[in-house]
Amino acid sequence: MIRIDMIWLALGVSDLRGGIDILLAQVLRSFAQGAQAHHAYVFANRRADRLKVLVYDGAGMWLCTRRLQAGGFVWPRDESGALELTREQFDWLVAGLPWQRLSASLPQRITAN
């Protein structure tokens, strides 16, 4: 239903109490080109027990939320920047699995402006 060509982890912690506008502002600060069509931006709270995914489909924004019943998500604690994930790494991440252990090529890191 929603086409996603690239998936980005927004490193560090995010305040997930806000909605689309707060997360979009973080994307605009972290990416020089702003929100790109068919890109997903993944955010986590301080405890890494909740995720929000912001997707721009070219016409509007989608906001999805994920919370595990037990445990948390494997989340890098870097302060700024972003990592590009493969679809398989993303699938493992949202399942609460150690996505960094996949043998896929290393994710690309983007530093914040």
Protein backbone atom coordinates (compact mmCIF):
# COMPACT_ATOMS: atom_id res chain seq x y z
CA MET A 1 0.00 0.00 0.00
CA ILE A 2 2.82 2.44 0.86
CA ARG A 3 5.91 2.27 -1.33
CA ILE A 4 9.14 2.56 0.67
CA ASP A 5 12.43 2.70 -1.21
CA MET A 6 14.78 3.64 1.64
CA ILE A 7 14.61 3.23 5.42
CA TRP A 8 16.53 5.52 7.78
CA LEU A 9 17.10 5.20 11.53
CA ALA A 10 17.17 8.61 13.20
CA LEU A 11 19.96 7.96 15.70
CA GLY A 12 19.75 8.99 19.31
CA VAL A 13 16.51 9.37 21.21
CA SER A 14 13.38 11.20 20.12
CA ASP A 15 10.45 12.66 21.97
CA LEU A 16 7.64 10.50 20.62
CA ARG A 17 4.89 12.39 22.44
CA GLY A 18 4.60 14.75 19.47
CA GLY A 19 3.06 13.87 16.16
CA ILE A 20 4.00 14.23 12.53
CA ASP A 21 5.10 17.87 12.78
CA ILE A 22 7.64 17.25 15.57
CA LEU A 23 9.18 14.25 13.81
CA LEU A 24 9.18 16.01 10.43
CA ALA A 25 11.11 18.90 12.01
CA GLN A 26 13.72 16.39 13.20
CA VAL A 27 13.99 14.97 9.65
CA LEU A 28 14.46 18.48 8.25
CA ARG A 29 17.27 19.15 10.78
CA SER A 30 19.02 15.83 10.13
CA PHE A 31 18.78 15.56 6.34
CA ALA A 32 19.95 18.35 4.04
CA GLN A 33 17.48 17.30 1.35
CA GLY A 34 14.54 17.13 3.81
CA ALA A 35 11.93 14.40 3.66
CA GLN A 36 12.20 12.45 0.42
CA ALA A 37 9.29 10.72 -1.29
CA HIS A 38 9.10 6.98 -0.53
CA HIS A 39 11.60 7.20 2.34
CA ALA A 40 10.81 5.98 5.86
CA TYR A 41 12.32 7.63 8.94
CA VAL A 42 12.36 5.52 12.12
CA PHE A 43 12.51 7.09 15.61
CA ALA A 44 12.77 5.56 19.10
CA ASN A 45 12.12 6.89 22.59
CA ARG A 46 14.73 6.95 25.37
CA ARG A 47 13.91 3.44 26.65
CA ALA A 48 13.77 2.05 23.08
CA ASP A 49 10.49 0.34 23.86
CA ARG A 50 8.50 2.36 21.29
CA LEU A 51 9.10 3.22 17.65
CA LYS A 52 7.47 5.70 15.31
CA VAL A 53 7.92 5.55 11.55
CA LEU A 54 7.33 8.63 9.41
CA VAL A 55 6.84 8.01 5.68
CA TYR A 56 6.42 10.61 2.95
CA ASP A 57 4.60 9.03 -0.02
CA GLY A 58 4.95 12.03 -2.32
CA ALA A 59 1.49 13.38 -1.52
CA GLY A 60 1.30 13.28 2.27
CA MET A 61 2.80 11.91 5.47
CA TRP A 62 2.08 8.59 7.16
CA LEU A 63 2.85 8.00 10.86
CA CYS A 64 3.02 4.46 12.24
CA THR A 65 3.66 3.39 15.83
CA ARG A 66 5.07 0.11 17.16
CA ARG A 67 5.37 -1.07 20.76
CA LEU A 68 6.44 -4.54 21.84
CA GLN A 69 4.50 -6.31 24.60
CA ALA A 70 7.76 -7.25 26.33
CA GLY A 71 11.38 -6.21 25.90
CA GLY A 72 12.64 -3.46 23.68
CA PHE A 73 14.12 -2.63 20.33
CA VAL A 74 17.84 -2.89 19.56
CA TRP A 75 18.66 0.79 19.08
CA PRO A 76 22.02 2.52 18.51
CA ARG A 77 22.68 5.17 21.16
CA ASP A 78 24.62 7.59 18.93
CA GLU A 79 23.63 11.19 19.52
CA SER A 80 23.02 12.37 15.96
CA GLY A 81 22.86 11.33 12.35
CA ALA A 82 21.09 8.46 10.66
CA LEU A 83 21.68 4.94 9.39
CA GLU A 84 20.27 3.48 6.21
CA LEU A 85 18.72 0.05 6.80
CA THR A 86 17.88 -2.74 4.40
CA ARG A 87 14.32 -4.06 4.41
CA GLU A 88 15.51 -7.23 6.16
CA GLN A 89 17.26 -5.22 8.89
CA PHE A 90 14.08 -3.15 9.37
CA ASP A 91 11.97 -6.31 9.66
CA TRP A 92 14.30 -7.63 12.37
CA LEU A 93 14.33 -4.26 14.16
CA VAL A 94 10.54 -4.01 14.45
CA ALA A 95 10.41 -7.61 15.69
CA GLY A 96 12.83 -6.70 18.51
CA LEU A 97 15.64 -8.83 17.08
CA PRO A 98 19.36 -7.89 16.87
CA TRP A 99 19.27 -6.53 13.31
CA GLN A 100 23.00 -5.60 13.39
CA ARG A 101 23.88 -9.31 13.27
CA LEU A 102 22.54 -9.76 9.74
CA SER A 103 25.22 -10.48 7.18
CA ALA A 104 23.90 -7.79 4.81
CA SER A 105 26.26 -4.99 3.91
CA LEU A 106 26.92 -2.45 6.62
CA PRO A 107 24.37 0.36 6.80
CA GLN A 108 25.31 3.77 5.47
CA ARG A 109 25.70 6.44 8.14
CA ILE A 110 24.64 10.04 7.57
CA THR A 111 25.66 12.70 10.06
CA ALA A 112 23.38 15.55 11.04
CA ASN A 113 24.02 19.03 9.67
